[in-house]
Amino acid sequence: MSKSFTEVLRLRLRALRSRALFLQFAGVGLVGATVDTTVLYALVSWTAFGPVAGKTVSWVFGIGVIFAINEWWTFSAYGKIGLRALLRRLLTSYLVRFAGFLVTLAVLFGLVYWFDVWFLLANVIGIGVGFFVNYTCESLYTWKVHRD
């Protein structure tokens, strides 16, 4: 018998309320944000990259680091075992985090080009806004924490 939409929603919301997972995800996100911001700073300061192009490259590096730590620590009890499952989670992670990236990029672009905010501060604000999109998508789609 299939579950109702309300039951499915309730199950997923309960999975997202895990304080331990949220705090681990936030800690890993801080590491990823540090990598992202460092790479962004280096690209904008020492190359011809502007803030938007630099952010695109720095995001790829940051997400790679975040995925590896989340796979090993935060969500180690979730997901299937094996190379194929790992590669599927990696691809899914990049795809679902793309929504958070678009949010972060939009905030960065708007703050830098419309409000003349320093690109690193705009990046950190954008990462903060995109964090909640990423937590929700990663938990529910990449590691499927609601399927305990």
C-alpha atoms as a PDB file:
ATOM      1  CA  MET A   1       0.000   0.000   0.000  1.00  0.00           C
ATOM      2  CA  SER A   2       1.448   3.360  -0.971  1.00  0.00           C
ATOM      3  CA  LYS A   3       1.737   6.224   1.465  1.00  0.00           C
ATOM      4  CA  SER A   4      -0.260   9.402   1.106  1.00  0.00           C
ATOM      5  CA  PHE A   5       1.428  12.643   0.118  1.00  0.00           C
ATOM      6  CA  THR A   6       0.983  13.907   3.670  1.00  0.00           C
ATOM      7  CA  GLU A   7       2.671  10.812   5.132  1.00  0.00           C
ATOM      8  CA  VAL A   8       5.580  11.104   2.709  1.00  0.00           C
ATOM      9  CA  LEU A   9       5.984  14.808   3.477  1.00  0.00           C
ATOM     10  CA  ARG A  10       5.866  14.180   7.233  1.00  0.00           C
ATOM     11  CA  LEU A  11       8.503  11.428   6.939  1.00  0.00           C
ATOM     12  CA  ARG A  12      10.847  13.657   4.946  1.00  0.00           C
ATOM     13  CA  LEU A  13      10.429  16.646   7.237  1.00  0.00           C
ATOM     14  CA  ARG A  14      11.155  14.444  10.259  1.00  0.00           C
ATOM     15  CA  ALA A  15      14.373  13.239   8.563  1.00  0.00           C
ATOM     16  CA  LEU A  16      15.449  16.839   7.911  1.00  0.00           C
ATOM     17  CA  ARG A  17      15.003  17.741  11.595  1.00  0.00           C
ATOM     18  CA  SER A  18      17.897  15.534  12.692  1.00  0.00           C
ATOM     19  CA  ARG A  19      20.000  17.895  14.778  1.00  0.00           C
ATOM     20  CA  ALA A  20      23.107  15.696  14.483  1.00  0.00           C
ATOM     21  CA  LEU A  21      22.927  15.530  10.674  1.00  0.00           C
ATOM     22  CA  PHE A  22      22.218  19.249  10.418  1.00  0.00           C
ATOM     23  CA  LEU A  23      25.194  20.179  12.607  1.00  0.00           C
ATOM     24  CA  GLN A  24      27.515  17.799  10.767  1.00  0.00           C
ATOM     25  CA  PHE A  25      26.278  19.156   7.430  1.00  0.00           C
ATOM     26  CA  ALA A  26      26.830  22.725   8.643  1.00  0.00           C
ATOM     27  CA  GLY A  27      30.356  21.905   9.834  1.00  0.00           C
ATOM     28  CA  VAL A  28      31.215  20.279   6.527  1.00  0.00           C
ATOM     29  CA  GLY A  29      29.653  23.254   4.765  1.00  0.00           C
ATOM     30  CA  LEU A  30      31.979  25.567   6.668  1.00  0.00           C
ATOM     31  CA  VAL A  31      34.979  23.601   5.377  1.00  0.00           C
ATOM     32  CA  GLY A  32      33.568  23.716   1.840  1.00  0.00           C
ATOM     33  CA  ALA A  33      32.821  27.433   2.123  1.00  0.00           C
ATOM     34  CA  THR A  34      36.416  28.020   3.217  1.00  0.00           C
ATOM     35  CA  VAL A  35      37.734  26.106   0.198  1.00  0.00           C
ATOM     36  CA  ASP A  36      35.272  27.901  -2.099  1.00  0.00           C
ATOM     37  CA  THR A  37      36.127  31.356  -0.752  1.00  0.00           C
ATOM     38  CA  THR A  38      39.892  30.713  -0.843  1.00  0.00           C
ATOM     39  CA  VAL A  39      39.785  29.532  -4.452  1.00  0.00           C
ATOM     40  CA  LEU A  40      37.499  32.452  -5.379  1.00  0.00           C
ATOM     41  CA  TYR A  41      39.857  34.952  -3.757  1.00  0.00           C
ATOM     42  CA  ALA A  42      42.880  33.458  -5.529  1.00  0.00           C
ATOM     43  CA  LEU A  43      41.163  33.441  -8.916  1.00  0.00           C
ATOM     44  CA  VAL A  44      39.826  36.989  -8.693  1.00  0.00           C
ATOM     45  CA  SER A  45      42.968  38.448  -7.109  1.00  0.00           C
ATOM     46  CA  TRP A  46      45.670  36.686  -9.113  1.00  0.00           C
ATOM     47  CA  THR A  47      44.087  35.897 -12.483  1.00  0.00           C
ATOM     48  CA  ALA A  48      41.820  37.554 -15.023  1.00  0.00           C
ATOM     49  CA  PHE A  49      38.726  35.819 -13.563  1.00  0.00           C
ATOM     50  CA  GLY A  50      35.917  38.090 -12.427  1.00  0.00           C
ATOM     51  CA  PRO A  51      33.696  37.259  -9.431  1.00  0.00           C
ATOM     52  CA  VAL A  52      31.085  35.287 -11.404  1.00  0.00           C
ATOM     53  CA  ALA A  53      33.555  33.174 -13.430  1.00  0.00           C
ATOM     54  CA  GLY A  54      35.718  32.686 -10.358  1.00  0.00           C
ATOM     55  CA  LYS A  55      32.704  31.592  -8.345  1.00  0.00           C
ATOM     56  CA  THR A  56      31.844  28.972 -10.934  1.00  0.00           C
ATOM     57  CA  VAL A  57      35.303  27.406 -10.683  1.00  0.00           C
ATOM     58  CA  SER A  58      35.519  27.735  -6.896  1.00  0.00           C
ATOM     59  CA  TRP A  59      32.124  26.062  -6.533  1.00  0.00           C
ATOM     60  CA  VAL A  60      33.340  22.949  -8.350  1.00  0.00           C
ATOM     61  CA  PHE A  61      36.281  22.632  -5.942  1.00  0.00           C
ATOM     62  CA  GLY A  62      34.208  23.368  -2.846  1.00  0.00           C
ATOM     63  CA  ILE A  63      31.488  20.865  -3.721  1.00  0.00           C
ATOM     64  CA  GLY A  64      34.068  18.148  -4.371  1.00  0.00           C
ATOM     65  CA  VAL A  65      35.498  18.635  -0.883  1.00  0.00           C
ATOM     66  CA  ILE A  66      32.034  18.800   0.680  1.00  0.00           C
ATOM     67  CA  PHE A  67      30.894  15.641  -1.067  1.00  0.00           C
ATOM     68  CA  ALA A  68      33.939  13.681   0.060  1.00  0.00           C
ATOM     69  CA  ILE A  69      33.533  14.685   3.707  1.00  0.00           C
ATOM     70  CA  ASN A  70      29.764  14.186   3.709  1.00  0.00           C
ATOM     71  CA  GLU A  71      30.189  10.764   2.120  1.00  0.00           C
ATOM     72  CA  TRP A  72      32.787   9.723   4.678  1.00  0.00           C
ATOM     73  CA  TRP A  73      31.299  11.353   7.802  1.00  0.00           C
ATOM     74  CA  THR A  74      27.888  13.039   7.732  1.00  0.00           C
ATOM     75  CA  PHE A  75      25.952  10.500   5.671  1.00  0.00           C
ATOM     76  CA  SER A  76      28.213   7.462   6.068  1.00  0.00           C
ATOM     77  CA  ALA A  77      25.275   5.389   7.362  1.00  0.00           C
ATOM     78  CA  TYR A  78      23.129   6.169   4.320  1.00  0.00           C
ATOM     79  CA  GLY A  79      23.190   5.020   0.722  1.00  0.00           C
ATOM     80  CA  LYS A  80      24.193   1.821  -0.983  1.00  0.00           C
ATOM     81  CA  ILE A  81      27.735   0.432  -1.003  1.00  0.00           C
ATOM     82  CA  GLY A  82      29.849   0.144  -4.152  1.00  0.00           C
ATOM     83  CA  LEU A  83      31.535   2.238  -6.817  1.00  0.00           C
ATOM     84  CA  ARG A  84      28.422   2.584  -8.964  1.00  0.00           C
ATOM     85  CA  ALA A  85      26.357   3.832  -5.988  1.00  0.00           C
ATOM     86  CA  LEU A  86      29.150   6.214  -4.995  1.00  0.00           C
ATOM     87  CA  LEU A  87      29.383   7.665  -8.512  1.00  0.00           C
ATOM     88  CA  ARG A  88      25.595   8.008  -8.638  1.00  0.00           C
ATOM     89  CA  ARG A  89      25.649   9.960  -5.331  1.00  0.00           C
ATOM     90  CA  LEU A  90      28.498  12.150  -6.620  1.00  0.00           C
ATOM     91  CA  LEU A  91      26.594  12.998  -9.795  1.00  0.00           C
ATOM     92  CA  THR A  92      23.384  13.515  -7.832  1.00  0.00           C
ATOM     93  CA  SER A  93      25.226  15.741  -5.372  1.00  0.00           C
ATOM     94  CA  TYR A  94      26.511  18.023  -8.107  1.00  0.00           C
ATOM     95  CA  LEU A  95      23.085  18.110  -9.765  1.00  0.00           C
ATOM     96  CA  VAL A  96      21.081  18.893  -6.640  1.00  0.00           C
ATOM     97  CA  ARG A  97      23.664  21.353  -5.359  1.00  0.00           C
ATOM     98  CA  PHE A  98      23.374  23.181  -8.647  1.00  0.00           C
ATOM     99  CA  ALA A  99      20.135  24.697  -7.310  1.00  0.00           C
ATOM    100  CA  GLY A 100      22.022  26.005  -4.283  1.00  0.00           C
ATOM    101  CA  PHE A 101      24.787  27.205  -6.601  1.00  0.00           C
ATOM    102  CA  LEU A 102      22.293  29.201  -8.670  1.00  0.00           C
ATOM    103  CA  VAL A 103      20.942  30.798  -5.495  1.00  0.00           C
ATOM    104  CA  THR A 104      24.488  31.588  -4.307  1.00  0.00           C
ATOM    105  CA  LEU A 105      25.503  32.933  -7.707  1.00  0.00           C
ATOM    106  CA  ALA A 106      22.412  35.128  -7.967  1.00  0.00           C
ATOM    107  CA  VAL A 107      23.075  36.599  -4.516  1.00  0.00           C
ATOM    108  CA  LEU A 108      26.762  37.139  -5.344  1.00  0.00           C
ATOM    109  CA  PHE A 109      25.947  38.765  -8.671  1.00  0.00           C
ATOM    110  CA  GLY A 110      23.256  41.001  -7.222  1.00  0.00           C
ATOM    111  CA  LEU A 111      25.312  42.138  -4.256  1.00  0.00           C
ATOM    112  CA  VAL A 112      28.499  42.750  -6.259  1.00  0.00           C
ATOM    113  CA  TYR A 113      27.054  44.394  -9.357  1.00  0.00           C
ATOM    114  CA  TRP A 114      23.931  46.105  -8.011  1.00  0.00           C
ATOM    115  CA  PHE A 115      24.972  47.019  -4.471  1.00  0.00           C
ATOM    116  CA  ASP A 116      28.769  47.230  -4.819  1.00  0.00           C
ATOM    117  CA  VAL A 117      29.387  44.735  -2.003  1.00  0.00           C
ATOM    118  CA  TRP A 118      32.916  43.264  -1.758  1.00  0.00           C
ATOM    119  CA  PHE A 119      32.897  39.991  -3.715  1.00  0.00           C
ATOM    120  CA  LEU A 120      34.078  37.829  -0.788  1.00  0.00           C
ATOM    121  CA  LEU A 121      31.389  39.146   1.553  1.00  0.00           C
ATOM    122  CA  ALA A 122      28.791  38.680  -1.184  1.00  0.00           C
ATOM    123  CA  ASN A 123      30.028  35.103  -1.645  1.00  0.00           C
ATOM    124  CA  VAL A 124      29.696  34.283   2.054  1.00  0.00           C
ATOM    125  CA  ILE A 125      26.172  35.734   2.154  1.00  0.00           C
ATOM    126  CA  GLY A 126      25.241  33.757  -0.956  1.00  0.00           C
ATOM    127  CA  ILE A 127      26.635  30.559   0.532  1.00  0.00           C
ATOM    128  CA  GLY A 128      24.537  31.152   3.649  1.00  0.00           C
ATOM    129  CA  VAL A 129      21.375  31.572   1.610  1.00  0.00           C
ATOM    130  CA  GLY A 130      22.127  28.542  -0.576  1.00  0.00           C
ATOM    131  CA  PHE A 131      22.947  26.374   2.458  1.00  0.00           C
ATOM    132  CA  PHE A 132      19.322  25.543   3.238  1.00  0.00           C
ATOM    133  CA  VAL A 133      18.576  24.572  -0.352  1.00  0.00           C
ATOM    134  CA  ASN A 134      21.643  22.324  -0.313  1.00  0.00           C
ATOM    135  CA  TYR A 135      20.837  20.706   3.044  1.00  0.00           C
ATOM    136  CA  THR A 136      17.330  19.834   1.947  1.00  0.00           C
ATOM    137  CA  CYS A 137      18.319  18.522  -1.484  1.00  0.00           C
ATOM    138  CA  GLU A 138      21.383  16.585  -0.323  1.00  0.00           C
ATOM    139  CA  SER A 139      19.532  14.956   2.574  1.00  0.00           C
ATOM    140  CA  LEU A 140      16.489  13.937   0.566  1.00  0.00           C
ATOM    141  CA  TYR A 141      17.874  13.224  -2.904  1.00  0.00           C
ATOM    142  CA  THR A 142      21.567  12.338  -2.627  1.00  0.00           C
ATOM    143  CA  TRP A 143      21.632  10.269   0.564  1.00  0.00           C
ATOM    144  CA  LYS A 144      17.873   9.696   0.986  1.00  0.00           C
ATOM    145  CA  VAL A 145      17.928  10.039   4.791  1.00  0.00           C
ATOM    146  CA  HIS A 146      14.158   9.528   4.939  1.00  0.00           C
ATOM    147  CA  ARG A 147      14.655   5.880   3.904  1.00  0.00           C
ATOM    148  CA  ASP A 148      16.178   4.848   7.203  1.00  0.00           C
END
